[in-house]
Protein backbone atom coordinates (compact mmCIF):
# COMPACT_ATOMS: atom_id res chain seq x y z
CA MET A 1 -72.41 46.13 -9.73
CA ALA A 2 -70.77 42.72 -10.56
CA TYR A 3 -68.26 42.95 -7.40
CA LYS A 4 -68.34 44.61 -4.14
CA THR A 5 -65.71 46.43 -2.29
CA PHE A 6 -64.11 46.55 1.15
CA ALA A 7 -62.10 49.27 3.04
CA ALA A 8 -59.32 48.08 5.25
CA ILE A 9 -58.23 51.01 7.66
CA ASP A 10 -55.22 51.02 9.93
CA VAL A 11 -55.07 53.44 12.77
CA GLY A 12 -51.16 53.42 13.30
CA SER A 13 -48.65 54.86 15.59
CA THR A 14 -47.36 57.21 12.88
CA ASP A 15 -50.16 57.55 10.30
CA VAL A 16 -53.65 56.52 9.26
CA THR A 17 -53.85 54.33 6.10
CA MET A 18 -56.92 52.96 4.27
CA LYS A 19 -57.00 50.52 1.17
CA ILE A 20 -60.06 50.05 -0.74
CA PHE A 21 -60.09 46.51 -2.52
CA GLU A 22 -62.39 45.00 -5.12
CA VAL A 23 -63.97 41.60 -3.93
CA THR A 24 -65.22 38.92 -6.41
CA ALA A 25 -66.41 35.41 -5.76
CA LYS A 26 -63.92 34.03 -8.50
CA LYS A 27 -61.09 36.34 -8.69
CA GLY A 28 -60.56 37.06 -4.92
CA TYR A 29 -59.62 40.48 -4.37
CA ARG A 30 -57.56 43.44 -5.82
CA GLN A 31 -56.62 46.90 -4.67
CA LEU A 32 -58.51 49.60 -5.96
CA ASP A 33 -57.06 52.61 -3.90
CA TYR A 34 -54.80 53.69 -1.19
CA VAL A 35 -55.12 56.82 1.02
CA SER A 36 -52.58 57.63 3.82
CA ASN A 37 -52.14 60.54 6.25
CA ILE A 38 -49.39 61.33 8.95
CA ILE A 39 -50.36 61.79 12.36
CA GLU A 40 -48.02 60.60 15.23
CA LEU A 41 -50.46 59.23 17.80
CA GLY A 42 -47.48 57.38 18.97
CA SER A 43 -45.61 60.45 20.30
CA ASP A 44 -48.47 61.29 22.59
CA THR A 45 -49.04 58.10 23.88
CA TYR A 46 -45.42 56.97 24.57
CA ALA A 47 -44.49 60.41 26.14
CA ASP A 48 -47.57 61.29 28.07
CA GLY A 49 -49.58 57.99 28.12
CA TYR A 50 -52.71 59.90 26.69
CA ILE A 51 -53.93 60.61 23.15
CA SER A 52 -53.98 64.60 23.02
CA GLN A 53 -57.68 66.36 22.15
CA GLU A 54 -55.70 67.94 19.28
CA SER A 55 -54.61 64.54 17.89
CA VAL A 56 -58.17 63.34 18.34
CA GLU A 57 -59.49 66.19 16.32
CA LYS A 58 -57.06 65.46 13.46
CA LEU A 59 -57.79 62.04 13.67
CA CYS A 60 -61.43 62.44 13.30
CA ASP A 61 -61.09 64.83 10.30
CA ILE A 62 -58.84 62.18 8.45
CA LEU A 63 -61.25 59.38 9.05
CA THR A 64 -64.08 61.81 8.08
CA GLY A 65 -62.13 62.17 4.80
CA PHE A 66 -61.62 58.30 4.38
CA SER A 67 -65.67 58.16 4.64
CA GLU A 68 -65.87 60.47 1.79
CA LYS A 69 -63.47 58.23 -0.29
CA MET A 70 -65.48 55.18 0.46
CA LYS A 71 -68.72 56.83 -0.79
CA GLU A 72 -66.80 57.21 -4.24
CA TYR A 73 -66.47 53.70 -4.67
CA GLY A 74 -69.91 52.83 -3.04
CA THR A 75 -68.09 50.90 -0.14
CA VAL A 76 -70.07 49.87 2.76
CA ASP A 77 -68.17 47.06 4.36
CA TYR A 78 -65.02 47.93 6.29
CA CYS A 79 -62.73 46.96 9.29
CA ALA A 80 -60.95 49.61 11.22
CA TYR A 81 -58.23 48.59 13.69
CA ALA A 82 -55.97 50.74 16.08
CA THR A 83 -52.67 49.43 17.20
CA SER A 84 -50.07 50.26 20.15
CA ALA A 85 -50.60 54.09 19.93
CA ILE A 86 -54.52 53.81 21.04
CA ARG A 87 -53.90 50.38 22.93
CA GLU A 88 -51.48 51.68 25.17
CA ALA A 89 -53.37 55.08 25.74
CA LYS A 90 -54.94 55.53 29.18
CA ASN A 91 -57.92 57.44 27.46
CA ASN A 92 -58.34 54.87 24.66
CA GLN A 93 -62.09 54.19 25.39
CA MET A 94 -62.86 57.92 25.29
CA VAL A 95 -60.88 58.23 21.97
CA LEU A 96 -62.71 55.45 20.41
CA ASP A 97 -66.08 56.89 21.77
CA LEU A 98 -65.22 60.09 20.20
CA ILE A 99 -64.43 58.47 16.68
CA LYS A 100 -67.73 56.80 16.71
CA LEU A 101 -69.86 59.82 17.63
CA ARG A 102 -68.00 62.09 15.16
CA THR A 103 -67.33 59.75 12.21
CA SER A 104 -69.74 56.68 12.70
CA PHE A 105 -66.40 54.50 12.42
CA LYS A 106 -66.23 51.64 14.86
CA VAL A 107 -62.59 51.25 15.60
CA GLN A 108 -61.48 48.23 17.29
CA ILE A 109 -58.09 47.92 19.26
CA LEU A 110 -56.03 45.05 18.20
CA SER A 111 -53.69 43.20 20.73
CA ASN A 112 -50.36 42.95 19.69
CA SER A 113 -50.44 39.41 18.73
CA GLU A 114 -53.43 39.81 16.65
CA HIS A 115 -51.72 42.89 14.94
CA ARG A 116 -48.64 40.63 14.07
CA PHE A 117 -50.70 37.73 12.85
CA LEU A 118 -52.61 39.97 10.48
CA MET A 119 -49.32 41.21 9.24
CA TYR A 120 -48.10 37.73 8.83
CA LYS A 121 -51.24 36.67 7.00
CA GLY A 122 -50.79 39.49 4.59
CA LEU A 123 -47.04 38.47 4.30
CA ALA A 124 -47.60 34.53 3.62
CA VAL A 125 -50.45 35.19 0.81
CA LYS A 126 -49.04 38.03 -0.87
CA GLN A 127 -45.36 37.25 -0.90
CA GLU A 128 -44.53 34.91 -3.88
CA HIS A 129 -41.61 33.45 -2.50
CA PHE A 130 -42.87 32.91 1.25
CA GLU A 131 -43.12 29.27 1.55
CA LYS A 132 -39.54 28.52 -0.01
CA VAL A 133 -37.92 31.00 2.18
CA ALA A 134 -39.87 30.04 5.53
CA GLU A 135 -38.31 26.42 5.00
CA LYS A 136 -34.90 27.59 6.20
CA ASN A 137 -34.38 29.26 9.52
CA THR A 138 -36.17 32.70 8.99
CA ALA A 139 -36.79 35.54 11.03
CA ILE A 140 -39.74 38.17 10.42
CA VAL A 141 -38.76 41.48 11.58
CA ASP A 142 -42.08 43.83 11.72
CA ILE A 143 -40.82 47.18 12.72
CA GLY A 144 -43.79 49.58 13.83
CA GLY A 145 -43.79 52.93 15.61
CA GLY A 146 -43.88 51.67 19.13
CA SER A 147 -42.33 48.30 19.01
CA ILE A 148 -40.59 45.56 16.78
CA GLN A 149 -41.91 41.97 16.45
CA ILE A 150 -39.59 39.30 15.57
CA SER A 151 -41.10 35.90 14.72
CA LEU A 152 -39.15 32.90 13.83
CA MET A 153 -39.81 29.99 11.21
CA ASN A 154 -38.23 26.80 10.59
CA ASN A 155 -39.40 24.06 8.23
CA GLY A 156 -42.26 26.28 7.26
CA LYS A 157 -43.62 26.72 10.71
CA LEU A 158 -44.02 29.55 13.04
CA THR A 159 -41.86 28.59 16.27
CA ALA A 160 -41.47 31.55 18.22
CA THR A 161 -42.54 35.27 18.40
CA GLN A 162 -41.35 38.14 20.59
CA ASN A 163 -42.27 41.84 21.01
CA LEU A 164 -39.39 44.23 21.63
CA PRO A 165 -40.08 47.87 23.13
CA ILE A 166 -38.10 49.51 20.32
CA GLY A 167 -40.08 50.83 17.42
CA ALA A 168 -38.62 53.45 15.15
CA LEU A 169 -40.94 56.31 16.75
CA ARG A 170 -40.35 55.25 20.35
CA VAL A 171 -36.65 55.07 19.92
CA ARG A 172 -36.52 58.46 18.14
CA ASP A 173 -38.50 60.21 20.78
CA ARG A 174 -36.83 58.52 23.74
CA LEU A 175 -33.40 59.69 22.39
CA ALA A 176 -34.25 62.94 21.14
CA THR A 177 -33.67 64.40 24.42
CA LEU A 178 -29.68 63.22 24.28
CA ARG A 179 -29.28 65.54 21.06
CA PHE A 180 -27.84 68.31 23.10
CA ASP A 181 -25.83 66.14 25.38
CA THR A 182 -23.77 64.12 22.99
CA ALA A 183 -22.24 64.71 19.75
CA HIS A 184 -22.56 60.83 18.99
CA LEU A 185 -26.27 60.33 19.04
CA GLU A 186 -26.09 57.26 16.56
CA ARG A 187 -23.66 55.62 18.77
CA VAL A 188 -26.17 55.97 21.80
CA MET A 189 -28.91 55.05 19.75
CA GLU A 190 -27.32 51.70 18.56
CA GLU A 191 -26.25 50.98 21.97
CA PHE A 192 -29.99 51.17 23.17
CA ILE A 193 -31.06 49.02 20.26
CA ALA A 194 -28.38 46.39 20.31
CA ASN A 195 -29.04 45.59 23.97
CA GLU A 196 -32.56 44.66 23.25
CA ILE A 197 -31.84 42.33 20.25
CA ASP A 198 -28.86 40.87 21.98
CA ALA A 199 -30.93 39.72 24.80
CA PHE A 200 -33.36 38.17 22.12
CA ARG A 201 -30.60 36.58 20.34
CA HIS A 202 -29.46 34.98 23.71
CA TYR A 203 -32.98 33.53 24.63
CA TYR A 204 -34.39 32.62 21.38
CA LEU A 205 -31.62 32.01 18.98
CA GLY A 206 -28.84 30.60 20.87
CA ASP A 207 -26.55 28.81 18.29
CA LYS A 208 -29.23 28.90 15.65
CA MET A 209 -28.23 30.61 12.43
CA ILE A 210 -30.94 32.59 10.74
CA LYS A 211 -30.54 32.38 6.91
CA ASN A 212 -33.11 34.93 5.84
CA VAL A 213 -34.57 38.14 7.38
CA ILE A 214 -38.10 39.27 6.06
CA ALA A 215 -38.72 42.89 6.68
CA ILE A 216 -42.09 44.33 7.03
CA GLY A 217 -43.35 47.51 7.92
CA ASP A 218 -43.59 51.00 6.44
CA GLU A 219 -40.16 52.21 6.85
CA ILE A 220 -38.37 49.41 4.83
CA GLY A 221 -39.96 50.87 1.67
CA ASN A 222 -38.71 54.21 2.49
CA LEU A 223 -35.15 52.98 3.39
CA ILE A 224 -35.25 51.63 -0.37
CA GLN A 225 -36.42 54.82 -1.87
CA ILE A 226 -33.44 56.86 -0.85
CA VAL A 227 -31.04 54.49 -2.75
CA PRO A 228 -32.53 54.58 -6.24
CA GLU A 229 -29.04 54.11 -7.62
CA LEU A 230 -28.81 50.70 -6.02
CA GLN A 231 -32.16 49.12 -8.04
CA ILE A 232 -33.38 47.25 -4.96
CA HIS A 233 -36.25 44.94 -5.90
CA ASP A 234 -37.06 42.38 -3.14
CA GLN A 235 -33.66 41.78 -1.27
CA ILE A 236 -31.27 43.95 0.47
CA ASP A 237 -27.81 42.46 1.48
CA GLU A 238 -25.38 43.94 4.17
CA LYS A 239 -23.45 45.85 1.86
CA GLN A 240 -26.23 47.67 0.52
CA LEU A 241 -27.71 48.47 3.96
CA LYS A 242 -24.28 49.95 4.96
CA ILE A 243 -24.73 52.48 1.81
CA ILE A 244 -28.30 53.33 3.22
CA PHE A 245 -26.84 53.76 6.71
CA ASP A 246 -24.13 56.03 5.65
CA LYS A 247 -26.57 58.26 3.37
CA LEU A 248 -28.71 58.49 6.58
CA LEU A 249 -25.75 59.82 8.58
CA GLN A 250 -24.80 62.21 5.94
CA LYS A 251 -27.90 64.00 5.42
CA LYS A 252 -30.51 65.81 7.74
CA PRO A 253 -34.09 64.25 7.70
CA SER A 254 -35.46 67.42 5.99
CA ASP A 255 -33.06 67.03 3.14
CA LEU A 256 -34.21 63.55 2.91
CA ALA A 257 -37.91 64.54 2.88
CA ALA A 258 -37.29 67.06 0.16
CA GLU A 259 -35.03 65.25 -2.24
CA TYR A 260 -36.96 61.90 -1.86
CA LYS A 261 -40.43 62.99 -1.42
CA ILE A 262 -40.90 61.29 1.81
CA PRO A 263 -42.91 63.09 4.31
CA TYR A 264 -40.57 64.83 7.16
CA GLU A 265 -42.02 62.65 10.05
CA ARG A 266 -41.22 59.51 8.17
CA ALA A 267 -37.73 60.72 7.19
CA THR A 268 -37.10 61.20 11.14
CA LEU A 269 -37.71 57.47 11.52
CA LEU A 270 -35.49 56.19 8.98
CA LEU A 271 -32.16 56.37 11.22
CA PRO A 272 -33.53 53.96 13.95
CA ALA A 273 -35.32 51.59 11.37
CA ALA A 274 -31.89 51.33 9.71
CA MET A 275 -30.11 50.86 12.77
CA ILE A 276 -32.50 48.13 13.93
CA TYR A 277 -32.34 46.05 10.60
CA GLY A 278 -28.45 46.26 10.50
CA ILE A 279 -27.85 45.14 13.99
CA PHE A 280 -30.21 42.29 13.62
CA LEU A 281 -28.81 41.18 10.36
CA ARG A 282 -25.02 41.46 12.08
CA GLN A 283 -26.10 39.46 15.22
CA SER A 284 -28.03 36.93 13.52
CA LYS A 285 -25.35 36.38 10.99
CA ALA A 286 -28.37 36.27 8.09
CA ASP A 287 -27.37 36.44 4.67
CA LEU A 288 -29.83 38.99 3.32
CA ILE A 289 -33.19 41.01 4.00
CA TRP A 290 -36.34 40.21 2.02
CA THR A 291 -38.38 43.14 1.41
CA PRO A 292 -41.99 42.44 0.60
CA ASN A 293 -44.31 45.61 0.20
CA ILE A 294 -46.98 44.56 2.96
CA ASP A 295 -48.72 46.45 5.63
CA LEU A 296 -51.59 46.02 7.96
CA CYS A 297 -54.36 46.56 5.46
CA ASP A 298 -53.13 43.63 3.32
CA GLY A 299 -53.63 41.28 6.16
CA ILE A 300 -56.89 42.78 7.17
CA ILE A 301 -58.29 42.02 3.55
CA VAL A 302 -56.88 38.51 3.86
CA ASP A 303 -58.48 37.99 7.07
CA GLU A 304 -61.80 39.30 5.90
CA MET A 305 -61.87 36.81 2.88
CA GLU A 306 -60.91 33.95 5.05
CA LYS A 307 -63.76 34.66 7.59
CA LYS A 308 -66.39 35.17 5.04
CA LYS A 309 -65.05 32.14 3.22
CA ARG A 310 -64.84 34.07 -0.03
CA ILE A 311 -61.51 32.48 -0.91
CA PHE A 312 -59.33 29.53 0.45
CA PHE A 313 -55.78 29.93 1.11
CA GLU A 314 -53.24 26.78 0.90
CA ARG A 315 -51.75 27.68 4.21
CA ASP A 316 -53.42 26.97 7.36
CA PHE A 317 -53.13 29.83 9.77
CA ILE A 318 -54.32 28.07 12.59
CA ASP A 319 -51.48 25.46 12.14
CA ASP A 320 -48.91 28.21 12.73
CA ILE A 321 -50.87 29.06 16.17
CA ARG A 322 -50.46 25.37 17.03
CA SER A 323 -46.96 25.17 15.96
CA SER A 324 -45.89 28.17 18.32
CA VAL A 325 -47.83 26.48 21.14
CA LEU A 326 -46.19 23.31 20.81
CA GLN A 327 -42.87 25.29 20.86
CA ILE A 328 -43.86 27.00 24.37
CA ALA A 329 -44.85 23.58 25.48
CA LYS A 330 -41.22 22.28 24.70
CA LYS A 331 -39.59 25.15 26.21
CA TYR A 332 -41.40 24.34 29.46
CA ARG A 333 -40.53 20.70 29.35
CA CYS A 334 -44.32 19.54 28.94
CA ASN A 335 -44.84 15.83 28.59
CA LYS A 336 -45.46 15.66 25.07
CA GLU A 337 -47.06 12.07 24.81
CA HIS A 338 -49.35 12.95 27.89
CA ASN A 339 -50.33 16.35 26.25
CA VAL A 340 -51.13 14.81 23.07
CA ASN A 341 -53.37 12.26 24.62
CA VAL A 342 -55.13 14.80 26.66
CA THR A 343 -55.72 17.04 23.83
CA ARG A 344 -57.38 14.31 21.94
CA ILE A 345 -59.59 13.38 24.53
CA ALA A 346 -60.63 16.85 25.17
CA CYS A 347 -61.23 17.56 21.49
CA GLN A 348 -63.40 14.43 21.23
CA ILE A 349 -65.61 15.38 24.22
CA PHE A 350 -65.82 18.79 22.50
CA ASP A 351 -67.07 17.62 19.40
CA LYS A 352 -69.44 14.94 21.17
CA THR A 353 -71.16 17.60 23.01
CA LYS A 354 -71.49 20.53 20.67
CA LYS A 355 -75.09 20.54 20.91
CA ILE A 356 -75.08 20.89 24.58
CA HIS A 357 -72.32 23.61 25.13
CA GLY A 358 -72.71 25.57 22.13
CA LEU A 359 -69.41 26.68 21.66
CA LYS A 360 -67.66 27.25 18.19
CA GLU A 361 -64.18 26.40 16.48
CA LYS A 362 -62.38 29.33 18.39
CA GLU A 363 -63.20 27.81 21.82
CA ARG A 364 -62.16 24.40 20.44
CA LEU A 365 -58.90 26.06 19.57
CA GLN A 366 -58.80 27.61 22.97
CA LEU A 367 -59.32 23.99 24.70
CA GLU A 368 -56.62 22.64 22.62
CA ILE A 369 -54.15 25.28 23.58
CA ALA A 370 -55.10 24.93 27.18
CA ALA A 371 -54.58 21.04 27.02
CA THR A 372 -51.21 21.46 25.29
CA LEU A 373 -49.98 23.86 28.17
CA HIS A 374 -51.79 22.62 31.22
CA ASP A 375 -48.77 21.48 32.79
CA CYS A 376 -46.22 24.14 31.88
CA GLY A 377 -46.18 25.55 35.39
CA LYS A 378 -44.62 22.47 36.77
CA PHE A 379 -41.25 23.88 35.10
CA ILE A 380 -41.04 26.77 37.81
CA ASN A 381 -42.81 24.74 40.85
CA MET A 382 -44.51 21.50 41.10
CA ASN A 383 -46.55 22.31 44.22
CA ASN A 384 -48.06 25.47 42.45
CA ALA A 385 -48.53 24.32 38.95
CA GLY A 386 -51.89 25.87 38.41
CA GLU A 387 -51.06 29.51 39.40
CA ASN A 388 -47.70 29.06 37.68
CA SER A 389 -49.02 27.89 34.37
CA TYR A 390 -51.49 30.93 34.51
CA ALA A 391 -48.54 33.32 35.19
CA ILE A 392 -46.36 31.92 31.99
CA ILE A 393 -49.28 31.87 29.95
CA MET A 394 -50.25 35.56 30.65
CA SER A 395 -46.70 36.53 30.10
CA THR A 396 -46.38 34.61 27.00
CA GLU A 397 -47.52 36.04 23.48
CA ILE A 398 -49.23 33.69 21.34
CA MET A 399 -49.54 35.11 17.75
CA GLY A 400 -53.11 35.31 16.70
CA LEU A 401 -54.94 35.45 20.13
CA SER A 402 -56.36 38.40 21.41
CA HIS A 403 -55.47 39.39 25.22
CA LYS A 404 -59.07 37.97 26.13
CA GLU A 405 -58.59 34.80 24.27
CA ARG A 406 -55.36 34.33 26.09
CA GLU A 407 -56.52 35.09 29.45
CA GLU A 408 -59.40 32.76 28.98
CA ILE A 409 -56.93 30.04 28.37
CA ALA A 410 -54.80 31.04 31.29
CA ASN A 411 -57.47 30.39 33.72
CA ILE A 412 -58.90 27.50 32.10
CA VAL A 413 -55.31 25.98 32.83
CA LYS A 414 -55.29 27.38 36.08
CA TYR A 415 -58.76 26.03 37.18
CA ASN A 416 -57.85 22.64 35.96
CA SER A 417 -55.96 22.02 39.21
CA LEU A 418 -57.47 24.70 41.46
CA PRO A 419 -60.86 24.69 42.98
CA PHE A 420 -63.36 26.66 40.44
CA PRO A 421 -64.76 29.86 41.98
CA ASP A 422 -68.12 31.18 42.34
CA TYR A 423 -68.71 33.91 39.88
CA ARG A 424 -69.07 36.57 42.60
CA GLU A 425 -65.44 35.59 43.78
CA ILE A 426 -63.96 35.72 40.18
CA GLN A 427 -65.46 38.40 38.38
CA GLY A 428 -63.08 41.22 39.53
CA GLU A 429 -60.17 39.20 38.26
CA ILE A 430 -61.30 37.72 34.97
CA GLY A 431 -61.98 41.10 33.30
CA GLU A 432 -63.81 40.77 29.85
CA CYS A 433 -63.37 37.06 29.99
CA ASN A 434 -66.33 34.89 29.70
CA TYR A 435 -67.23 32.82 32.80
CA MET A 436 -69.05 30.27 31.18
CA THR A 437 -66.59 29.73 28.49
CA ILE A 438 -63.91 29.47 31.08
CA ALA A 439 -66.08 26.96 33.19
CA LYS A 440 -67.46 24.87 30.10
CA LEU A 441 -63.78 24.22 28.84
CA VAL A 442 -62.36 23.36 32.65
CA ALA A 443 -65.08 20.77 33.00
CA ILE A 444 -63.98 19.04 29.80
CA LEU A 445 -60.33 19.72 30.46
CA ARG A 446 -60.26 17.88 33.96
CA VAL A 447 -62.30 14.84 32.74
CA ALA A 448 -59.65 14.46 29.93
CA ASN A 449 -56.78 15.05 31.97
CA ALA A 450 -58.27 12.34 34.66
CA MET A 451 -58.31 9.71 31.96
CA ASP A 452 -54.60 9.88 31.42
CA ARG A 453 -53.75 10.65 35.06
CA SER A 454 -50.92 8.03 35.08
CA HIS A 455 -49.10 9.68 32.06
CA LYS A 456 -48.95 6.17 30.48
CA GLN A 457 -51.66 6.63 27.72
CA LYS A 458 -53.26 3.21 28.55
CA ALA A 459 -55.99 3.18 25.99
CA SER A 460 -55.67 2.26 22.47
CA ALA A 461 -59.13 3.73 21.63
CA TYR A 462 -61.90 5.88 23.08
CA ASN A 463 -65.67 5.51 22.22
CA ILE A 464 -67.36 8.80 23.52
CA VAL A 465 -71.22 9.19 23.09
CA VAL A 466 -74.19 11.27 24.76
CA LYS A 467 -76.95 8.97 25.68
CA ASP A 468 -79.85 9.55 28.48
CA LYS A 469 -78.19 12.53 30.06
CA GLN A 470 -74.89 10.54 30.21
CA LEU A 471 -71.68 11.23 28.54
CA LEU A 472 -70.43 7.59 28.04
CA ILE A 473 -66.63 6.97 27.77
CA THR A 474 -65.61 3.86 26.78
CA ILE A 475 -61.83 2.98 26.91
CA ASP A 476 -60.48 -0.02 25.03
CA THR A 477 -57.63 -1.13 27.26
CA LEU A 478 -56.11 -4.30 29.05
CA TYR A 479 -54.59 -1.89 31.77
CA ASP A 480 -55.61 -1.51 35.14
CA LEU A 481 -57.62 1.86 35.39
CA THR A 482 -58.00 1.87 39.27
CA LEU A 483 -56.06 5.45 39.33
CA GLU A 484 -58.12 6.89 36.55
CA ARG A 485 -61.46 5.86 37.76
CA GLY A 486 -60.78 7.17 41.27
CA LEU A 487 -60.02 10.73 39.85
CA PHE A 488 -62.67 10.49 37.14
CA THR A 489 -65.32 10.46 39.78
CA ASP A 490 -63.96 13.59 41.28
CA LYS A 491 -63.87 15.43 38.01
CA ALA A 492 -67.10 14.30 36.81
CA GLU A 493 -69.05 15.97 39.53
CA PHE A 494 -67.92 19.31 38.09
CA PHE A 495 -68.71 18.33 34.69
CA GLU A 496 -72.22 17.31 35.48
CA LEU A 497 -72.44 20.83 37.45
CA VAL A 498 -71.71 22.78 34.41
CA TYR A 499 -73.39 20.52 31.53
CA GLY A 500 -76.28 18.67 33.28
CA ILE A 501 -75.20 15.44 32.17
CA LYS A 502 -73.07 12.82 34.12
CA PRO A 503 -69.78 11.18 32.80
CA VAL A 504 -69.50 7.60 32.89
CA LEU A 505 -66.37 5.79 32.37
CA LYS A 506 -66.48 2.08 31.19
CA GLN A 507 -63.86 -0.26 30.13
CA LYS A 508 -63.52 -2.62 27.20
CA ARG A 509 -60.98 -5.46 27.09
CA SER A 510 -60.17 -6.15 23.32
CA ILE A 511 -58.10 -9.15 22.82
């Protein structure tokens, strides 16, 4: 066989989907097959907090069918990800274990930020006009079963992202009990949705004008499907959306399902989805909605190709993470010049000590983010910056990071200024975080921060080398370094404790 195949599996809130791709070294990838089965796991979780045994049985049957389909293509490699329905279920670990035992599939739970970042990757690579559209103020609206994600872009960069708990399935189920109490369910539904979107607009948009909305998620395709007479291809304007909305009000979900060959469960989600798009379009004053045909499976294959270096993309997705982190720093009035300097020094130390710490690029990015946000807590209170910074980072979604990675960053920032605890003291607080990863990156950040304690960026250049069990840091500057030297000695002690080498600060005075 001249090519390999790969299966991308999405265990979602309303269905389970698999795409099988052909992967080649020269041509990249192309889709060979698509399979989807309706199963509303989200209805269990959002109502009761648990995935029912009946749903687990059905899910295992679906995945067993997927396994048979994979055999038809000789597919061995796969990634199977679960999103909010399983992530928020209290029995999620039991569910994953049963799936592994009964189907041999190892399903991994994505954090919300990881899920949305994969969707974003699929969009950025697959959407032909993405780069052009993203140059203007653009909002990416990703409607899922449990929530919607709104990500803002400007000048081609990701600037902010926020998750709102008003997914189509959650809205439908939450308001279903009101059907017998009011004759105007759609009005109640609209008020419920508008309240959340209005809050988002107030805090994240302000006076900004959104030029374009990019709609991703399963429901947008079904909305287009019920108006074939409009001949919609990749754009919907406000007038067309009004026609779609009117049709949804006139017809029952059962009629829509029968007439347009849409699964009934999907048809019940169209009204809340149309309302979300309509309200956002109206409140953001955007011109139109772009409708690329993108789902999580598209993001999974892009991520897989990127990880295995089988194909190189023009867009640097790590830069999107950096861009969103810089916006967080800006929001909390962090000192930009100081942060840039500390980040530069910290990354230099990381690179020069690679053979000692054994950390990878992922941890380097964590260090970079921690250095950028290390003072954000001062926005709340100058006297408790470490704890406040931790709270801000843990409460702020950073697209592309897992919960574990974000928690490690929060702890790195916290213990940049607070005494680093013994493992026995902290193990119950850091959960799945890696204690030694946190310690190693805290040690680097402390030294880097001490070298710009005055916030005056005194050095014109730094030379960092490891020699004879010493980390020699030579600063080229004519400035007085008394303050930096005093703090450096204190921070160097912890660095030596962690790495077994002693940081030594030297000054060079070039004329």
